[in-house]
Protein backbone atom coordinates (compact mmCIF):
# COMPACT_ATOMS: atom_id res chain seq x y z
CA UNK A 1 -14.13 -8.80 -13.69
CA UNK A 2 -15.14 -9.59 -10.22
CA UNK A 3 -12.92 -11.22 -7.63
CA UNK A 4 -13.66 -12.86 -4.35
CA UNK A 5 -11.63 -12.09 -1.58
CA UNK A 6 -11.96 -13.20 1.82
CA UNK A 7 -9.94 -13.62 5.06
CA UNK A 8 -8.22 -16.63 6.73
CA UNK A 9 -9.56 -19.83 5.96
CA UNK A 10 -8.68 -22.11 8.70
CA UNK A 11 -10.02 -25.60 7.57
CA UNK A 12 -7.27 -27.55 9.99
CA UNK A 13 -7.61 -28.14 13.80
CA UNK A 14 -11.34 -28.06 14.85
CA UNK A 15 -12.90 -27.71 11.35
CA UNK A 16 -10.69 -31.07 9.67
CA UNK A 17 -12.05 -32.98 12.80
CA UNK A 18 -15.68 -32.96 11.62
CA UNK A 19 -14.69 -33.28 8.27
CA UNK A 20 -15.22 -36.92 6.55
CA UNK A 21 -11.77 -37.97 7.00
CA UNK A 22 -10.24 -36.11 10.20
CA UNK A 23 -6.71 -36.76 10.91
CA UNK A 24 -4.71 -37.09 14.07
CA UNK A 25 -6.26 -34.51 16.52
CA UNK A 26 -3.34 -34.69 18.48
CA UNK A 27 -2.15 -30.84 19.69
CA UNK A 28 0.81 -29.19 21.33
CA UNK A 29 -1.23 -26.29 22.47
CA UNK A 30 -0.67 -25.00 26.28
CA UNK A 31 -4.17 -25.39 26.76
CA UNK A 32 -6.01 -27.43 24.24
CA UNK A 33 -4.29 -30.83 23.56
CA UNK A 34 -6.87 -32.70 21.38
CA UNK A 35 -8.24 -30.63 18.07
CA UNK A 36 -11.77 -32.65 18.63
CA UNK A 37 -12.19 -30.09 21.85
CA UNK A 38 -12.69 -27.10 19.15
CA UNK A 39 -16.05 -28.68 18.19
CA UNK A 40 -17.00 -29.37 21.28
CA UNK A 41 -16.80 -25.69 22.37
CA UNK A 42 -18.87 -24.52 19.45
CA UNK A 43 -21.55 -27.02 20.88
CA UNK A 44 -21.42 -25.27 23.99
CA UNK A 45 -21.60 -21.93 22.58
CA UNK A 46 -24.45 -23.02 19.90
CA UNK A 47 -25.51 -26.46 19.81
CA UNK A 48 -24.78 -29.65 18.15
CA UNK A 49 -22.00 -29.65 15.62
CA UNK A 50 -23.13 -32.70 13.02
CA UNK A 51 -20.46 -35.25 12.23
CA UNK A 52 -18.78 -35.77 9.93
CA UNK A 53 -20.55 -32.95 7.89
CA UNK A 54 -20.30 -33.39 3.91
CA UNK A 55 -17.31 -31.54 2.42
CA UNK A 56 -19.54 -28.21 1.55
CA UNK A 57 -20.70 -28.15 4.89
CA UNK A 58 -18.09 -25.77 6.30
CA UNK A 59 -19.17 -22.91 3.48
CA UNK A 60 -23.06 -23.12 4.15
CA UNK A 61 -24.93 -20.28 2.68
CA UNK A 62 -21.47 -18.73 1.17
CA UNK A 63 -22.30 -21.55 -1.85
CA UNK A 64 -25.31 -19.44 -2.67
CA UNK A 65 -23.89 -16.40 -2.83
CA UNK A 66 -21.16 -17.77 -4.98
CA UNK A 67 -23.54 -18.92 -7.01
CA UNK A 68 -25.71 -15.63 -7.27
CA UNK A 69 -22.43 -13.24 -8.04
CA UNK A 70 -20.88 -15.67 -10.09
CA UNK A 71 -17.50 -14.11 -9.00
CA UNK A 72 -14.64 -14.52 -12.25
CA UNK A 73 -11.94 -15.87 -9.29
CA UNK A 74 -12.07 -16.92 -5.75
CA UNK A 75 -8.97 -15.97 -3.80
CA UNK A 76 -8.30 -16.99 -0.17
CA UNK A 77 -5.74 -17.17 2.42
CA UNK A 78 -4.98 -20.68 3.09
CA UNK A 79 -3.82 -20.65 7.08
CA UNK A 80 -3.28 -24.26 7.77
CA UNK A 81 -0.78 -26.88 6.30
CA UNK A 82 -2.55 -30.09 4.72
CA UNK A 83 -0.50 -33.26 6.16
CA UNK A 84 -0.11 -36.07 7.98
CA UNK A 85 3.00 -35.24 9.49
CA UNK A 86 3.84 -34.87 13.30
CA UNK A 87 6.68 -32.77 13.09
CA UNK A 88 5.42 -29.72 15.04
CA UNK A 89 6.95 -26.44 15.22
CA UNK A 90 8.82 -26.34 18.31
CA UNK A 91 8.14 -23.44 20.56
CA UNK A 92 4.95 -22.57 18.91
CA UNK A 93 1.76 -22.51 20.82
CA UNK A 94 -0.68 -23.05 17.84
CA UNK A 95 -0.44 -25.70 14.97
CA UNK A 96 -3.00 -26.11 12.67
CA UNK A 97 -3.23 -28.85 9.93
CA UNK A 98 -5.81 -30.26 8.03
CA UNK A 99 -5.85 -33.86 6.78
CA UNK A 100 -4.86 -34.27 3.22
CA UNK A 101 -7.86 -36.64 2.53
CA UNK A 102 -9.95 -33.96 3.41
CA UNK A 103 -8.92 -31.36 0.56
CA UNK A 104 -11.98 -32.01 -1.04
CA UNK A 105 -13.51 -29.18 0.88
CA UNK A 106 -11.96 -26.87 -0.95
CA UNK A 107 -12.79 -28.22 -4.54
CA UNK A 108 -16.61 -27.98 -3.22
CA UNK A 109 -15.71 -24.23 -2.65
CA UNK A 110 -14.71 -23.97 -5.95
CA UNK A 111 -11.28 -22.16 -4.87
CA UNK A 112 -9.11 -21.03 -7.44
CA UNK A 113 -6.05 -19.38 -5.73
CA UNK A 114 -4.69 -20.33 -2.04
CA UNK A 115 -1.87 -17.72 -0.76
CA UNK A 116 0.09 -19.55 1.61
CA UNK A 117 2.70 -17.12 2.94
CA UNK A 118 1.26 -16.81 6.39
CA UNK A 119 2.27 -18.17 10.06
CA UNK A 120 0.50 -21.48 10.15
CA UNK A 121 1.65 -23.40 6.96
CA UNK A 122 5.12 -24.11 8.52
CA UNK A 123 3.44 -25.69 11.75
CA UNK A 124 4.34 -28.87 11.12
CA UNK A 125 7.70 -28.66 10.01
CA UNK A 126 9.33 -28.71 6.56
CA UNK A 127 7.98 -32.19 6.10
CA UNK A 128 4.34 -30.35 6.43
CA UNK A 129 5.23 -27.64 4.08
CA UNK A 130 6.23 -30.18 1.28
CA UNK A 131 3.21 -32.16 1.61
CA UNK A 132 0.89 -29.31 1.58
CA UNK A 133 2.33 -28.09 -1.46
CA UNK A 134 2.28 -31.77 -3.23
CA UNK A 135 -1.36 -32.22 -1.93
CA UNK A 136 -2.76 -29.02 -3.43
CA UNK A 137 -0.82 -28.80 -6.54
CA UNK A 138 -2.30 -32.59 -7.05
CA UNK A 139 -5.84 -31.71 -6.31
CA UNK A 140 -5.63 -28.69 -9.03
CA UNK A 141 -4.79 -25.68 -6.71
CA UNK A 142 -2.89 -22.93 -7.36
CA UNK A 143 -0.97 -21.42 -4.61
CA UNK A 144 1.40 -18.39 -3.96
CA UNK A 145 3.41 -17.37 -0.65
CA UNK A 146 5.11 -20.64 -0.20
CA UNK A 147 7.83 -22.96 -2.26
CA UNK A 148 10.92 -25.56 -2.07
CA UNK A 149 12.68 -22.26 -2.51
CA UNK A 150 12.84 -18.75 -2.41
CA UNK A 151 12.29 -18.71 -6.24
CA UNK A 152 8.94 -20.72 -5.81
CA UNK A 153 8.09 -18.69 -2.67
CA UNK A 154 8.08 -15.33 -4.41
CA UNK A 155 6.51 -16.87 -7.66
CA UNK A 156 2.99 -15.35 -8.73
CA UNK A 157 -0.34 -17.38 -9.35
CA UNK A 158 -1.77 -16.56 -13.10
CA UNK A 159 -5.64 -16.81 -13.66
CA UNK A 160 -6.66 -16.84 -16.97
CA UNK A 161 -10.02 -14.92 -17.62
CA UNK A 162 -9.92 -15.62 -21.31
CA UNK A 163 -11.08 -11.85 -23.03
CA UNK A 164 -11.58 -10.35 -19.77
CA UNK A 165 -7.38 -10.56 -19.27
CA UNK A 166 -5.54 -12.00 -16.28
CA UNK A 167 -5.20 -12.09 -12.58
CA UNK A 168 -1.95 -12.03 -11.27
CA UNK A 169 -1.44 -12.95 -7.59
CA UNK A 170 1.95 -12.10 -5.57
CA UNK A 171 1.66 -13.41 -1.52
CA UNK A 172 3.60 -12.36 0.76
CA UNK A 173 3.97 -11.86 4.63
CA UNK A 174 5.02 -10.12 7.70
CA UNK A 175 6.57 -10.76 10.62
CA UNK A 176 4.17 -8.47 12.94
CA UNK A 177 1.58 -11.24 11.80
CA UNK A 178 3.44 -13.83 13.87
CA UNK A 179 5.69 -15.71 11.10
CA UNK A 180 8.70 -16.85 12.46
CA UNK A 181 11.81 -15.08 10.79
CA UNK A 182 13.01 -18.99 10.38
CA UNK A 183 10.32 -19.48 8.11
CA UNK A 184 11.68 -17.17 5.24
CA UNK A 185 12.37 -19.14 1.94
CA UNK A 186 15.92 -19.04 0.74
CA UNK A 187 18.08 -20.73 -2.10
CA UNK A 188 18.18 -24.07 -1.40
CA UNK A 189 15.82 -23.71 1.96
CA UNK A 190 12.30 -24.34 1.50
CA UNK A 191 9.53 -21.52 3.36
CA UNK A 192 7.71 -18.54 2.70
CA UNK A 193 7.79 -14.97 0.88
CA UNK A 194 8.92 -13.17 4.38
CA UNK A 195 8.83 -9.80 4.18
CA UNK A 196 12.20 -8.27 5.49
CA UNK A 197 10.19 -5.03 6.22
CA UNK A 198 7.74 -2.69 4.61
CA UNK A 199 11.06 0.01 3.39
CA UNK A 200 11.19 1.33 0.08
CA UNK A 201 13.96 -1.35 -0.99
CA UNK A 202 10.94 -4.08 -0.43
CA UNK A 203 8.57 -2.16 -2.51
CA UNK A 204 11.29 -2.18 -5.28
CA UNK A 205 12.05 -5.94 -4.99
CA UNK A 206 8.69 -6.38 -5.45
CA UNK A 207 8.17 -3.93 -8.13
CA UNK A 208 11.18 -5.77 -10.13
CA UNK A 209 8.93 -9.41 -9.46
CA UNK A 210 5.69 -7.76 -10.94
CA UNK A 211 7.58 -6.36 -14.00
CA UNK A 212 9.10 -9.99 -14.69
CA UNK A 213 5.57 -11.18 -14.71
CA UNK A 214 3.25 -8.46 -16.10
CA UNK A 215 1.50 -8.39 -19.36
CA UNK A 216 -0.45 -5.00 -20.60
CA UNK A 217 -4.06 -5.22 -19.04
CA UNK A 218 -2.81 -7.46 -16.26
CA UNK A 219 -4.78 -7.15 -12.98
CA UNK A 220 -2.04 -7.35 -10.20
CA UNK A 221 -3.22 -8.48 -6.61
CA UNK A 222 -1.00 -8.55 -3.70
CA UNK A 223 -2.19 -10.43 -0.93
CA UNK A 224 -0.40 -9.49 2.53
CA UNK A 225 -0.43 -11.63 5.78
CA UNK A 226 0.27 -8.64 8.09
CA UNK A 227 -0.59 -7.24 11.75
CA UNK A 228 -1.71 -8.75 14.92
CA UNK A 229 -4.74 -10.65 15.47
CA UNK A 230 -6.94 -8.20 17.43
CA UNK A 231 -7.62 -4.59 17.41
CA UNK A 232 -8.35 -2.16 14.48
CA UNK A 233 -5.57 0.00 14.22
CA UNK A 234 -3.72 0.45 10.56
CA UNK A 235 -0.34 1.60 11.32
CA UNK A 236 1.42 4.04 9.35
CA UNK A 237 3.78 1.54 8.29
CA UNK A 238 1.31 -1.02 6.47
CA UNK A 239 -0.61 2.42 4.93
CA UNK A 240 2.60 4.21 3.45
CA UNK A 241 3.14 0.35 2.28
CA UNK A 242 0.36 -0.31 0.56
CA UNK A 243 -0.03 2.85 -1.23
CA UNK A 244 3.60 2.49 -2.40
CA UNK A 245 2.72 -1.02 -3.93
CA UNK A 246 0.13 1.09 -5.91
CA UNK A 247 2.24 3.92 -6.54
CA UNK A 248 5.68 2.43 -7.39
CA UNK A 249 5.26 -1.52 -7.63
CA UNK A 250 1.30 -1.24 -9.77
CA UNK A 251 -0.24 -2.88 -7.85
CA UNK A 252 -3.94 -2.68 -8.29
CA UNK A 253 -5.76 -4.31 -5.41
CA UNK A 254 -4.05 -5.08 -1.92
CA UNK A 255 -5.53 -8.28 -0.10
CA UNK A 256 -4.71 -7.93 3.76
CA UNK A 257 -5.47 -10.49 6.06
CA UNK A 258 -4.23 -11.69 9.54
CA UNK A 259 -7.21 -10.19 11.81
CA UNK A 260 -9.65 -11.93 13.18
CA UNK A 261 -12.14 -9.69 12.58
CA UNK A 262 -12.77 -6.64 9.61
CA UNK A 263 -10.85 -3.90 9.50
CA UNK A 264 -11.10 -0.66 7.76
CA UNK A 265 -10.88 -0.07 4.09
CA UNK A 266 -9.14 2.23 1.64
CA UNK A 267 -9.27 3.23 -2.14
CA UNK A 268 -6.39 4.58 -2.98
CA UNK A 269 -6.08 6.42 -6.47
CA UNK A 270 -9.17 3.92 -7.40
CA UNK A 271 -7.19 1.09 -5.86
CA UNK A 272 -8.53 -1.20 -3.58
CA UNK A 273 -6.66 -1.55 0.18
CA UNK A 274 -8.28 -4.11 2.75
CA UNK A 275 -6.10 -4.13 5.30
CA UNK A 276 -7.68 -6.85 7.32
CA UNK A 277 -10.74 -9.24 5.90
CA UNK A 278 -11.21 -10.66 9.54
CA UNK A 279 -11.26 -14.66 9.46
CA UNK A 280 -13.71 -16.53 6.92
CA UNK A 281 -13.76 -20.78 8.31
CA UNK A 282 -12.82 -21.31 11.41
CA UNK A 283 -13.28 -22.87 14.62
CA UNK A 284 -13.03 -20.38 16.71
CA UNK A 285 -17.22 -20.06 17.37
CA UNK A 286 -16.82 -21.66 21.78
CA UNK A 287 -13.12 -19.32 22.36
CA UNK A 288 -14.43 -16.63 24.59
CA UNK A 289 -12.15 -13.63 25.59
CA UNK A 290 -12.34 -10.96 22.44
CA UNK A 291 -16.54 -11.29 21.85
CA UNK A 292 -16.45 -7.52 21.11
CA UNK A 293 -14.80 -7.83 18.10
CA UNK A 294 -17.19 -10.00 17.06
CA UNK A 295 -14.85 -12.43 15.14
CA UNK A 296 -17.85 -14.75 14.45
CA UNK A 297 -19.20 -12.63 11.59
CA UNK A 298 -17.36 -12.60 8.15
CA UNK A 299 -17.42 -10.89 4.87
CA UNK A 300 -17.24 -11.89 1.24
CA UNK A 301 -15.87 -9.04 -0.78
CA UNK A 302 -16.83 -9.10 -4.27
CA UNK A 303 -14.50 -6.38 -5.91
CA UNK A 304 -15.57 -5.53 -9.57
CA UNK A 305 -12.50 -3.81 -11.20
CA UNK A 306 -12.11 -2.38 -14.83
CA UNK A 307 -10.05 -5.19 -16.57
CA UNK A 308 -7.86 -2.94 -18.86
CA UNK A 309 -6.81 -1.23 -15.75
CA UNK A 310 -7.16 -2.54 -12.20
CA UNK A 311 -9.58 0.84 -11.29
CA UNK A 312 -12.27 -0.44 -8.71
CA UNK A 313 -15.67 0.11 -9.97
CA UNK A 314 -17.51 -1.47 -7.37
CA UNK A 315 -17.29 -3.13 -4.01
CA UNK A 316 -20.05 -5.55 -2.40
CA UNK A 317 -20.06 -7.42 0.53
CA UNK A 318 -21.94 -9.72 1.86
CA UNK A 319 -21.78 -10.14 5.96
CA UNK A 320 -22.17 -13.86 7.23
CA UNK A 321 -21.71 -15.49 10.84
CA UNK A 322 -19.84 -18.84 11.71
CA UNK A 323 -22.55 -20.92 13.26
CA UNK A 324 -22.06 -24.88 13.89
CA UNK A 325 -18.93 -24.35 12.03
CA UNK A 326 -20.82 -23.17 9.03
CA UNK A 327 -21.39 -20.33 7.37
CA UNK A 328 -24.15 -18.48 7.64
CA UNK A 329 -26.14 -15.45 6.42
CA UNK A 330 -26.04 -12.71 9.04
CA UNK A 331 -29.11 -11.43 10.81
CA UNK A 332 -30.04 -8.02 9.85
CA UNK A 333 -28.86 -6.44 13.47
CA UNK A 334 -25.19 -8.18 12.97
CA UNK A 335 -25.09 -6.83 9.24
CA UNK A 336 -25.77 -3.63 10.21
CA UNK A 337 -23.27 -4.02 12.97
CA UNK A 338 -20.72 -4.57 10.16
CA UNK A 339 -21.79 -1.75 8.39
CA UNK A 340 -21.06 0.57 11.87
CA UNK A 341 -17.73 -0.97 12.37
CA UNK A 342 -16.55 -0.27 8.61
CA UNK A 343 -18.08 2.86 8.39
CA UNK A 344 -16.44 4.32 11.56
CA UNK A 345 -12.83 2.46 10.90
CA UNK A 346 -13.22 3.38 7.25
CA UNK A 347 -13.98 7.35 7.80
CA UNK A 348 -10.22 8.02 8.52
CA UNK A 349 -9.29 6.15 5.47
CA UNK A 350 -11.85 8.41 3.17
CA UNK A 351 -14.99 5.65 2.86
CA UNK A 352 -17.83 5.16 3.74
CA UNK A 353 -20.37 1.72 4.13
CA UNK A 354 -24.11 1.49 3.11
CA UNK A 355 -26.65 -1.40 3.96
CA UNK A 356 -28.44 -2.21 0.97
CA UNK A 357 -32.13 -3.78 1.63
CA UNK A 358 -31.13 -7.46 0.38
CA UNK A 359 -28.69 -7.52 3.76
CA UNK A 360 -25.57 -6.73 1.31
CA UNK A 361 -22.95 -3.64 2.12
CA UNK A 362 -21.79 -1.35 -0.49
CA UNK A 363 -18.18 0.78 -0.26
CA UNK A 364 -18.29 4.31 -1.36
CA UNK A 365 -14.98 6.36 -1.33
CA UNK A 366 -14.09 9.88 -2.07
């Protein structure tokens, strides 16, 4: 089976403001108080952004690539609240929200699973989380990583692929990504599936959860929101935790995200570990300060795995660029820049990346 994975899909704030039915643009950030300023910054950087845009606009050339590759499932980390709530989280500097009336943009991308264990799903308080969960459910999306209780937040998403078997997605987040400790779901309290730490005891708890849901031949994905926004470092704690999820919890794919740029890739015991997928859909286009990381470049990760075992067979990646708040094909030079970064960062992890003639990237591993 072929899995589509990517980094953060941030359809709130500036993206929401160019969609057909934007919500209240009011923000409570230190520097920007109007979400429309984000598309204005994008226009300063790259030229006019049409408004309003069609719901499929933000996906741009990704739509053609999805149609070409035809992955069996599409899994994204949805890093925004989907709400009209004005109850913003006090003391937090950045607050993402998308109007529930714009949820059609996710339908346009034919997303199968939205993971929510991240540091923005509760930006607009518990009412915002409740509306987010309700809106996504009513729109037909499966979600993992957040809920009205601890049991709901820990519950996985099951995607049935018929004769190919099932994909089971568990989602969790770490405080290292900026998730406030108060957001942890508990009995009788809504929230996210927040990891207490990356210890053996936590791995054992995840193993128990997987064992309760797993069937023979299931492919198990652990979608983990962890680490800082910027920087290529993969910590020893993250690497150890990912490997133990494979060794002891039975995970087949570790889908890591939070970094605003791509990070190194590892294949451990023939299982894929993505430490940082980079952003996918964002409104950061005109923001300055971290240009050297090329956060405007995005990757579509197409992981082909053996359905009966979860073993990685092939990983191909399609380079894209955010331009005028839309994904477009990356240039040959930018694709090669991504190849060089992934190759350099993957070298200590035992992986290498090659650029194919059609502009896609292919992973090779020991």
